[in-house]
Amino acid sequence: MRGPSARRYAILLAVQTLCAAVVLFNIHASFRLLIENIGTPHLSTRLSIVQLLLAAALGQACYWYRLHRVALPPIRRNLPIGHLLAFASRIGFIFGSALFSVYFLRHAPVVDLSTADLVWRGTLLLAILFALYCYTLELERLGAALQAPPSA
């Protein structure tokens, strides 16, 4: 993986990875808050919401730019790394989709959420999950490229 196209691909993937890490960090913090304070309503901090929004938006921008402008560079076959990337993509989305349970468990004691609040939270949740899906899809593509048999 060499050349300007490979460098751009690596930078975009690194930024997407950082964005996914921010999302997963916030999910972990929400789980921890939920476990430490079971049965009490928890409000998200503005900082965590801003971090999630920025991470999702930046990750999406990198993903779609890469998809339309930067091709996957030619790489040598490496089965172990390919398998690890495929595994990481699947397990990453499993952890990310745990956000659904945090969303519902975290606000279970709060019954009187307005419709506008539910729409806002639901939209944010779907946007974050879609951003994680796109990132894991990129890891899956890279993993598949590393596992592809050599061309004849």
N, C-alpha and C. Protein backbone atom coordinates (compact mmCIF):
# COMPACT_ATOMS: atom_id res chain seq x y z
N MET A 1 0.84 -1.16 0.00
CA MET A 1 0.00 0.00 0.00
C MET A 1 0.90 1.24 0.00
N ARG A 2 1.16 1.75 -1.17
CA ARG A 2 2.02 2.93 -1.29
C ARG A 2 1.44 3.91 -2.29
N GLY A 3 1.90 5.14 -2.22
CA GLY A 3 1.46 6.16 -3.16
C GLY A 3 0.49 7.12 -2.51
N PRO A 4 0.17 8.20 -3.25
CA PRO A 4 -0.72 9.23 -2.69
C PRO A 4 -2.14 8.71 -2.42
N SER A 5 -2.64 7.84 -3.28
CA SER A 5 -3.98 7.30 -3.07
C SER A 5 -4.03 6.44 -1.81
N ALA A 6 -2.99 5.64 -1.61
CA ALA A 6 -2.92 4.79 -0.42
C ALA A 6 -2.80 5.64 0.84
N ARG A 7 -2.05 6.73 0.75
CA ARG A 7 -1.90 7.62 1.89
C ARG A 7 -3.23 8.28 2.25
N ARG A 8 -3.95 8.74 1.22
CA ARG A 8 -5.26 9.35 1.47
C ARG A 8 -6.22 8.33 2.08
N TYR A 9 -6.19 7.11 1.55
CA TYR A 9 -7.05 6.06 2.09
C TYR A 9 -6.72 5.81 3.57
N ALA A 10 -5.44 5.71 3.89
CA ALA A 10 -5.02 5.44 5.27
C ALA A 10 -5.43 6.58 6.20
N ILE A 11 -5.30 7.82 5.75
CA ILE A 11 -5.68 8.96 6.58
C ILE A 11 -7.19 8.96 6.83
N LEU A 12 -7.96 8.73 5.77
CA LEU A 12 -9.42 8.71 5.93
C LEU A 12 -9.86 7.57 6.84
N LEU A 13 -9.24 6.41 6.71
CA LEU A 13 -9.58 5.28 7.58
C LEU A 13 -9.18 5.57 9.03
N ALA A 14 -8.05 6.23 9.22
CA ALA A 14 -7.61 6.59 10.58
C ALA A 14 -8.59 7.57 11.23
N VAL A 15 -9.07 8.54 10.47
CA VAL A 15 -10.03 9.50 11.01
C VAL A 15 -11.34 8.79 11.35
N GLN A 16 -11.78 7.89 10.46
CA GLN A 16 -12.99 7.12 10.75
C GLN A 16 -12.81 6.26 12.01
N THR A 17 -11.63 5.70 12.18
CA THR A 17 -11.35 4.88 13.35
C THR A 17 -11.41 5.73 14.62
N LEU A 18 -10.85 6.92 14.56
CA LEU A 18 -10.91 7.83 15.70
C LEU A 18 -12.35 8.20 16.03
N CYS A 19 -13.14 8.47 15.02
CA CYS A 19 -14.55 8.80 15.23
C CYS A 19 -15.30 7.63 15.86
N ALA A 20 -15.05 6.42 15.38
CA ALA A 20 -15.70 5.24 15.96
C ALA A 20 -15.26 5.04 17.40
N ALA A 21 -14.00 5.33 17.70
CA ALA A 21 -13.51 5.20 19.07
C ALA A 21 -14.21 6.19 20.00
N VAL A 22 -14.46 7.40 19.53
CA VAL A 22 -15.18 8.40 20.33
C VAL A 22 -16.60 7.91 20.62
N VAL A 23 -17.26 7.35 19.62
CA VAL A 23 -18.62 6.83 19.81
C VAL A 23 -18.60 5.68 20.81
N LEU A 24 -17.68 4.74 20.63
CA LEU A 24 -17.62 3.59 21.53
C LEU A 24 -17.23 4.01 22.95
N PHE A 25 -16.39 5.02 23.09
CA PHE A 25 -16.04 5.54 24.41
C PHE A 25 -17.27 6.10 25.11
N ASN A 26 -18.09 6.85 24.37
CA ASN A 26 -19.30 7.42 24.95
C ASN A 26 -20.31 6.33 25.32
N ILE A 27 -20.37 5.28 24.51
CA ILE A 27 -21.26 4.16 24.84
C ILE A 27 -20.79 3.50 26.14
N HIS A 28 -19.49 3.31 26.26
CA HIS A 28 -18.94 2.70 27.48
C HIS A 28 -19.25 3.57 28.70
N ALA A 29 -19.09 4.88 28.55
CA ALA A 29 -19.37 5.79 29.66
C ALA A 29 -20.85 5.73 30.05
N SER A 30 -21.73 5.61 29.06
CA SER A 30 -23.17 5.52 29.36
C SER A 30 -23.49 4.22 30.08
N PHE A 31 -22.90 3.11 29.65
CA PHE A 31 -23.10 1.84 30.33
C PHE A 31 -22.63 1.93 31.77
N ARG A 32 -21.48 2.52 31.96
CA ARG A 32 -20.92 2.62 33.31
C ARG A 32 -21.83 3.47 34.21
N LEU A 33 -22.31 4.58 33.69
CA LEU A 33 -23.22 5.44 34.44
C LEU A 33 -24.50 4.70 34.77
N LEU A 34 -25.01 3.94 33.82
CA LEU A 34 -26.23 3.18 34.03
C LEU A 34 -26.04 2.13 35.12
N ILE A 35 -24.94 1.41 35.08
CA ILE A 35 -24.69 0.34 36.05
C ILE A 35 -24.45 0.91 37.45
N GLU A 36 -23.73 2.03 37.53
CA GLU A 36 -23.42 2.61 38.83
C GLU A 36 -24.62 3.29 39.49
N ASN A 37 -25.62 3.65 38.70
CA ASN A 37 -26.79 4.37 39.24
C ASN A 37 -28.08 3.74 38.73
N ILE A 38 -28.26 2.46 38.98
CA ILE A 38 -29.42 1.74 38.48
C ILE A 38 -30.70 2.33 39.08
N GLY A 39 -31.70 2.51 38.21
CA GLY A 39 -33.01 2.96 38.66
C GLY A 39 -33.21 4.45 38.71
N THR A 40 -32.20 5.21 38.38
CA THR A 40 -32.36 6.66 38.38
C THR A 40 -32.22 7.18 36.96
N PRO A 41 -33.00 8.20 36.60
CA PRO A 41 -32.88 8.76 35.25
C PRO A 41 -31.56 9.49 35.07
N HIS A 42 -31.00 9.38 33.88
CA HIS A 42 -29.72 10.02 33.58
C HIS A 42 -29.89 10.87 32.33
N LEU A 43 -29.44 12.08 32.43
CA LEU A 43 -29.48 12.96 31.28
C LEU A 43 -28.10 13.00 30.64
N SER A 44 -28.08 12.99 29.33
CA SER A 44 -26.81 13.08 28.61
C SER A 44 -26.24 14.48 28.78
N THR A 45 -24.92 14.54 28.88
CA THR A 45 -24.28 15.86 28.96
C THR A 45 -24.18 16.46 27.57
N ARG A 46 -24.14 17.77 27.52
CA ARG A 46 -24.00 18.43 26.22
C ARG A 46 -22.70 18.03 25.54
N LEU A 47 -21.64 17.88 26.34
CA LEU A 47 -20.34 17.51 25.77
C LEU A 47 -20.42 16.16 25.07
N SER A 48 -21.06 15.18 25.69
CA SER A 48 -21.13 13.86 25.06
C SER A 48 -21.99 13.90 23.80
N ILE A 49 -23.07 14.68 23.81
CA ILE A 49 -23.91 14.78 22.62
C ILE A 49 -23.16 15.46 21.49
N VAL A 50 -22.42 16.52 21.82
CA VAL A 50 -21.62 17.22 20.80
C VAL A 50 -20.54 16.29 20.25
N GLN A 51 -19.87 15.55 21.14
CA GLN A 51 -18.85 14.60 20.69
C GLN A 51 -19.45 13.55 19.76
N LEU A 52 -20.61 13.02 20.12
CA LEU A 52 -21.26 12.02 19.28
C LEU A 52 -21.66 12.59 17.92
N LEU A 53 -22.23 13.79 17.93
CA LEU A 53 -22.63 14.42 16.67
C LEU A 53 -21.43 14.70 15.77
N LEU A 54 -20.37 15.26 16.34
CA LEU A 54 -19.19 15.55 15.54
C LEU A 54 -18.51 14.28 15.02
N ALA A 55 -18.43 13.27 15.88
CA ALA A 55 -17.81 12.01 15.46
C ALA A 55 -18.61 11.36 14.34
N ALA A 56 -19.93 11.35 14.47
CA ALA A 56 -20.78 10.75 13.43
C ALA A 56 -20.67 11.54 12.13
N ALA A 57 -20.72 12.86 12.21
CA ALA A 57 -20.65 13.69 11.00
C ALA A 57 -19.29 13.58 10.31
N LEU A 58 -18.22 13.66 11.08
CA LEU A 58 -16.88 13.57 10.49
C LEU A 58 -16.63 12.18 9.91
N GLY A 59 -17.06 11.15 10.63
CA GLY A 59 -16.91 9.78 10.13
C GLY A 59 -17.67 9.58 8.83
N GLN A 60 -18.89 10.13 8.76
CA GLN A 60 -19.67 10.02 7.53
C GLN A 60 -19.01 10.79 6.39
N ALA A 61 -18.50 11.97 6.66
CA ALA A 61 -17.84 12.75 5.61
C ALA A 61 -16.64 12.00 5.05
N CYS A 62 -15.83 11.42 5.92
CA CYS A 62 -14.67 10.65 5.46
C CYS A 62 -15.09 9.41 4.68
N TYR A 63 -16.12 8.73 5.16
CA TYR A 63 -16.59 7.52 4.49
C TYR A 63 -17.08 7.81 3.08
N TRP A 64 -17.96 8.79 2.95
CA TRP A 64 -18.53 9.06 1.64
C TRP A 64 -17.52 9.68 0.68
N TYR A 65 -16.61 10.49 1.20
CA TYR A 65 -15.54 11.03 0.35
C TYR A 65 -14.67 9.89 -0.16
N ARG A 66 -14.29 8.99 0.74
CA ARG A 66 -13.46 7.87 0.35
C ARG A 66 -14.18 6.97 -0.64
N LEU A 67 -15.45 6.73 -0.43
CA LEU A 67 -16.21 5.85 -1.30
C LEU A 67 -16.30 6.39 -2.72
N HIS A 68 -16.42 7.71 -2.85
CA HIS A 68 -16.57 8.32 -4.18
C HIS A 68 -15.27 8.80 -4.81
N ARG A 69 -14.24 9.06 -4.02
CA ARG A 69 -13.04 9.69 -4.56
C ARG A 69 -11.74 8.90 -4.39
N VAL A 70 -11.69 7.99 -3.43
CA VAL A 70 -10.44 7.28 -3.14
C VAL A 70 -10.69 5.77 -3.21
N ALA A 71 -10.08 5.15 -4.19
CA ALA A 71 -10.25 3.70 -4.37
C ALA A 71 -9.41 2.94 -3.35
N LEU A 72 -9.87 1.74 -3.03
CA LEU A 72 -9.10 0.87 -2.16
C LEU A 72 -7.79 0.55 -2.88
N PRO A 73 -6.65 0.91 -2.29
CA PRO A 73 -5.37 0.68 -2.98
C PRO A 73 -5.07 -0.82 -3.08
N PRO A 74 -4.28 -1.19 -4.08
CA PRO A 74 -3.89 -2.60 -4.19
C PRO A 74 -3.02 -2.99 -2.99
N ILE A 75 -3.35 -4.10 -2.37
CA ILE A 75 -2.60 -4.55 -1.20
C ILE A 75 -2.29 -6.02 -1.33
N ARG A 76 -1.23 -6.43 -0.65
CA ARG A 76 -0.85 -7.84 -0.65
C ARG A 76 -1.76 -8.63 0.26
N ARG A 77 -1.94 -9.87 -0.09
CA ARG A 77 -2.79 -10.77 0.68
C ARG A 77 -2.16 -11.02 2.06
N ASN A 78 -3.00 -10.95 3.08
CA ASN A 78 -2.56 -11.22 4.44
C ASN A 78 -3.77 -11.78 5.19
N LEU A 79 -3.88 -13.09 5.21
CA LEU A 79 -5.05 -13.74 5.79
C LEU A 79 -5.27 -13.42 7.27
N PRO A 80 -4.25 -13.49 8.13
CA PRO A 80 -4.52 -13.19 9.55
C PRO A 80 -5.04 -11.77 9.77
N ILE A 81 -4.42 -10.79 9.13
CA ILE A 81 -4.88 -9.40 9.28
C ILE A 81 -6.27 -9.23 8.69
N GLY A 82 -6.52 -9.85 7.57
CA GLY A 82 -7.85 -9.80 6.95
C GLY A 82 -8.92 -10.37 7.86
N HIS A 83 -8.61 -11.51 8.47
CA HIS A 83 -9.57 -12.10 9.41
C HIS A 83 -9.79 -11.20 10.63
N LEU A 84 -8.72 -10.61 11.15
CA LEU A 84 -8.85 -9.72 12.31
C LEU A 84 -9.70 -8.49 11.98
N LEU A 85 -9.51 -7.93 10.77
CA LEU A 85 -10.31 -6.77 10.38
C LEU A 85 -11.79 -7.14 10.21
N ALA A 86 -12.04 -8.30 9.61
CA ALA A 86 -13.43 -8.76 9.46
C ALA A 86 -14.07 -8.98 10.83
N PHE A 87 -13.31 -9.57 11.74
CA PHE A 87 -13.80 -9.79 13.10
C PHE A 87 -14.04 -8.45 13.80
N ALA A 88 -13.09 -7.53 13.68
CA ALA A 88 -13.23 -6.22 14.31
C ALA A 88 -14.45 -5.47 13.78
N SER A 89 -14.72 -5.61 12.49
CA SER A 89 -15.88 -4.92 11.94
C SER A 89 -17.17 -5.46 12.53
N ARG A 90 -17.26 -6.75 12.68
CA ARG A 90 -18.49 -7.33 13.23
C ARG A 90 -18.64 -7.07 14.71
N ILE A 91 -17.58 -7.23 15.46
CA ILE A 91 -17.67 -7.01 16.91
C ILE A 91 -17.86 -5.53 17.21
N GLY A 92 -17.29 -4.66 16.39
CA GLY A 92 -17.48 -3.22 16.58
C GLY A 92 -18.92 -2.82 16.42
N PHE A 93 -19.61 -3.40 15.45
CA PHE A 93 -21.01 -3.05 15.28
C PHE A 93 -21.87 -3.65 16.39
N ILE A 94 -21.48 -4.80 16.91
CA ILE A 94 -22.21 -5.38 18.04
C ILE A 94 -22.13 -4.44 19.24
N PHE A 95 -20.92 -3.95 19.53
CA PHE A 95 -20.78 -3.00 20.63
C PHE A 95 -21.54 -1.71 20.34
N GLY A 96 -21.48 -1.26 19.11
CA GLY A 96 -22.20 -0.05 18.75
C GLY A 96 -23.70 -0.21 18.85
N SER A 97 -24.20 -1.37 18.45
CA SER A 97 -25.65 -1.57 18.53
C SER A 97 -26.12 -1.73 19.96
N ALA A 98 -25.19 -1.96 20.87
CA ALA A 98 -25.55 -1.97 22.30
C ALA A 98 -26.05 -0.59 22.72
N LEU A 99 -25.76 0.42 21.91
CA LEU A 99 -26.26 1.76 22.16
C LEU A 99 -27.79 1.75 22.24
N PHE A 100 -28.44 0.89 21.46
CA PHE A 100 -29.90 0.79 21.53
C PHE A 100 -30.35 0.43 22.93
N SER A 101 -29.72 -0.57 23.53
CA SER A 101 -30.14 -0.97 24.87
C SER A 101 -29.84 0.11 25.89
N VAL A 102 -28.72 0.80 25.75
CA VAL A 102 -28.41 1.90 26.68
C VAL A 102 -29.47 2.99 26.54
N TYR A 103 -29.85 3.29 25.32
CA TYR A 103 -30.86 4.32 25.07
C TYR A 103 -32.17 3.99 25.79
N PHE A 104 -32.61 2.75 25.65
CA PHE A 104 -33.88 2.38 26.25
C PHE A 104 -33.77 2.15 27.76
N LEU A 105 -32.71 1.52 28.22
CA LEU A 105 -32.56 1.28 29.65
C LEU A 105 -32.30 2.57 30.42
N ARG A 106 -31.51 3.43 29.84
CA ARG A 106 -31.13 4.66 30.51
C ARG A 106 -32.33 5.55 30.78
N HIS A 107 -33.30 5.51 29.90
CA HIS A 107 -34.44 6.40 30.04
C HIS A 107 -35.71 5.67 30.45
N ALA A 108 -35.58 4.42 30.87
CA ALA A 108 -36.76 3.67 31.29
C ALA A 108 -37.49 4.33 32.45
N PRO A 109 -36.79 4.86 33.45
CA PRO A 109 -37.53 5.50 34.56
C PRO A 109 -38.25 6.78 34.13
N VAL A 110 -37.84 7.37 33.03
CA VAL A 110 -38.46 8.61 32.58
C VAL A 110 -39.57 8.25 31.59
N VAL A 111 -40.80 8.35 32.03
CA VAL A 111 -41.91 7.94 31.19
C VAL A 111 -42.48 9.12 30.41
N ASP A 112 -42.31 10.32 30.91
CA ASP A 112 -42.97 11.49 30.33
C ASP A 112 -42.10 12.25 29.32
N LEU A 113 -41.37 11.54 28.47
CA LEU A 113 -40.61 12.21 27.42
C LEU A 113 -41.58 12.71 26.35
N SER A 114 -41.35 13.91 25.87
CA SER A 114 -42.22 14.46 24.83
C SER A 114 -41.94 13.79 23.49
N THR A 115 -42.85 13.94 22.58
CA THR A 115 -42.69 13.36 21.25
C THR A 115 -41.47 13.97 20.55
N ALA A 116 -41.31 15.28 20.69
CA ALA A 116 -40.16 15.94 20.07
C ALA A 116 -38.85 15.41 20.64
N ASP A 117 -38.81 15.16 21.95
CA ASP A 117 -37.61 14.62 22.58
C ASP A 117 -37.32 13.21 22.08
N LEU A 118 -38.36 12.40 21.96
CA LEU A 118 -38.17 11.04 21.44
C LEU A 118 -37.69 11.05 19.99
N VAL A 119 -38.24 11.95 19.18
CA VAL A 119 -37.81 12.05 17.78
C VAL A 119 -36.36 12.48 17.70
N TRP A 120 -35.98 13.50 18.50
CA TRP A 120 -34.60 13.98 18.51
C TRP A 120 -33.64 12.87 18.92
N ARG A 121 -33.95 12.20 20.02
CA ARG A 121 -33.07 11.13 20.51
C ARG A 121 -33.03 9.95 19.54
N GLY A 122 -34.16 9.60 18.97
CA GLY A 122 -34.21 8.50 18.01
C GLY A 122 -33.42 8.81 16.74
N THR A 123 -33.53 10.04 16.27
CA THR A 123 -32.77 10.46 15.08
C THR A 123 -31.27 10.44 15.35
N LEU A 124 -30.88 10.95 16.51
CA LEU A 124 -29.46 10.93 16.88
C LEU A 124 -28.95 9.50 16.98
N LEU A 125 -29.74 8.65 17.59
CA LEU A 125 -29.36 7.26 17.75
C LEU A 125 -29.18 6.56 16.39
N LEU A 126 -30.12 6.77 15.49
CA LEU A 126 -30.02 6.14 14.16
C LEU A 126 -28.84 6.70 13.36
N ALA A 127 -28.58 7.99 13.49
CA ALA A 127 -27.44 8.60 12.79
C ALA A 127 -26.12 8.02 13.29
N ILE A 128 -26.01 7.83 14.59
CA ILE A 128 -24.78 7.27 15.17
C ILE A 128 -24.61 5.83 14.74
N LEU A 129 -25.70 5.06 14.79
CA LEU A 129 -25.61 3.66 14.36
C LEU A 129 -25.28 3.54 12.88
N PHE A 130 -25.82 4.43 12.06
CA PHE A 130 -25.51 4.39 10.63
C PHE A 130 -24.04 4.73 10.39
N ALA A 131 -23.51 5.69 11.14
CA ALA A 131 -22.10 6.04 11.02
C ALA A 131 -21.22 4.84 11.41
N LEU A 132 -21.60 4.15 12.48
CA LEU A 132 -20.84 2.95 12.88
C LEU A 132 -20.96 1.85 11.83
N TYR A 133 -22.14 1.71 11.26
CA TYR A 133 -22.33 0.71 10.21
C TYR A 133 -21.41 0.99 9.02
N CYS A 134 -21.35 2.24 8.59
CA CYS A 134 -20.49 2.60 7.46
C CYS A 134 -19.02 2.32 7.78
N TYR A 135 -18.61 2.62 8.99
CA TYR A 135 -17.23 2.35 9.39
C TYR A 135 -16.94 0.85 9.38
N THR A 136 -17.85 0.06 9.96
CA THR A 136 -17.62 -1.38 9.98
C THR A 136 -17.68 -1.97 8.58
N LEU A 137 -18.48 -1.38 7.71
CA LEU A 137 -18.51 -1.82 6.31
C LEU A 137 -17.16 -1.58 5.64
N GLU A 138 -16.54 -0.46 5.96
CA GLU A 138 -15.21 -0.15 5.42
C GLU A 138 -14.17 -1.16 5.91
N LEU A 139 -14.23 -1.49 7.20
CA LEU A 139 -13.32 -2.51 7.73
C LEU A 139 -13.55 -3.85 7.05
N GLU A 140 -14.80 -4.17 6.80
CA GLU A 140 -15.14 -5.43 6.12
C GLU A 140 -14.56 -5.46 4.71
N ARG A 141 -14.66 -4.34 3.99
CA ARG A 141 -14.09 -4.27 2.63
C ARG A 141 -12.57 -4.45 2.66
N LEU A 142 -11.92 -3.78 3.59
CA LEU A 142 -10.47 -3.90 3.70
C LEU A 142 -10.08 -5.32 4.08
N GLY A 143 -10.81 -5.91 5.02
CA GLY A 143 -10.55 -7.29 5.41
C GLY A 143 -10.73 -8.26 4.26
N ALA A 144 -11.78 -8.05 3.46
CA ALA A 144 -12.03 -8.91 2.29
C ALA A 144 -10.91 -8.76 1.27
N ALA A 145 -10.43 -7.53 1.07
CA ALA A 145 -9.34 -7.31 0.12
C ALA A 145 -8.07 -8.02 0.58
N LEU A 146 -7.82 -8.02 1.87
CA LEU A 146 -6.64 -8.70 2.40
C LEU A 146 -6.76 -10.23 2.33
N GLN A 147 -7.99 -10.74 2.28
CA GLN A 147 -8.19 -12.17 2.24
C GLN A 147 -8.39 -12.72 0.83
N ALA A 148 -8.50 -11.83 -0.14
CA ALA A 148 -8.77 -12.25 -1.53
C ALA A 148 -7.63 -13.11 -2.06
N PRO A 149 -7.99 -14.16 -2.80
CA PRO A 149 -6.93 -14.99 -3.39
C PRO A 149 -6.16 -14.19 -4.43
N PRO A 150 -4.89 -14.51 -4.62
CA PRO A 150 -4.11 -13.77 -5.61
C PRO A 150 -4.69 -13.96 -7.01
N SER A 151 -4.69 -12.87 -7.77
CA SER A 151 -5.21 -12.96 -9.14
C SER A 151 -4.22 -13.70 -10.03
N ALA A 152 -4.76 -14.42 -10.97
CA ALA A 152 -3.92 -15.26 -11.84
C ALA A 152 -3.13 -14.47 -12.84
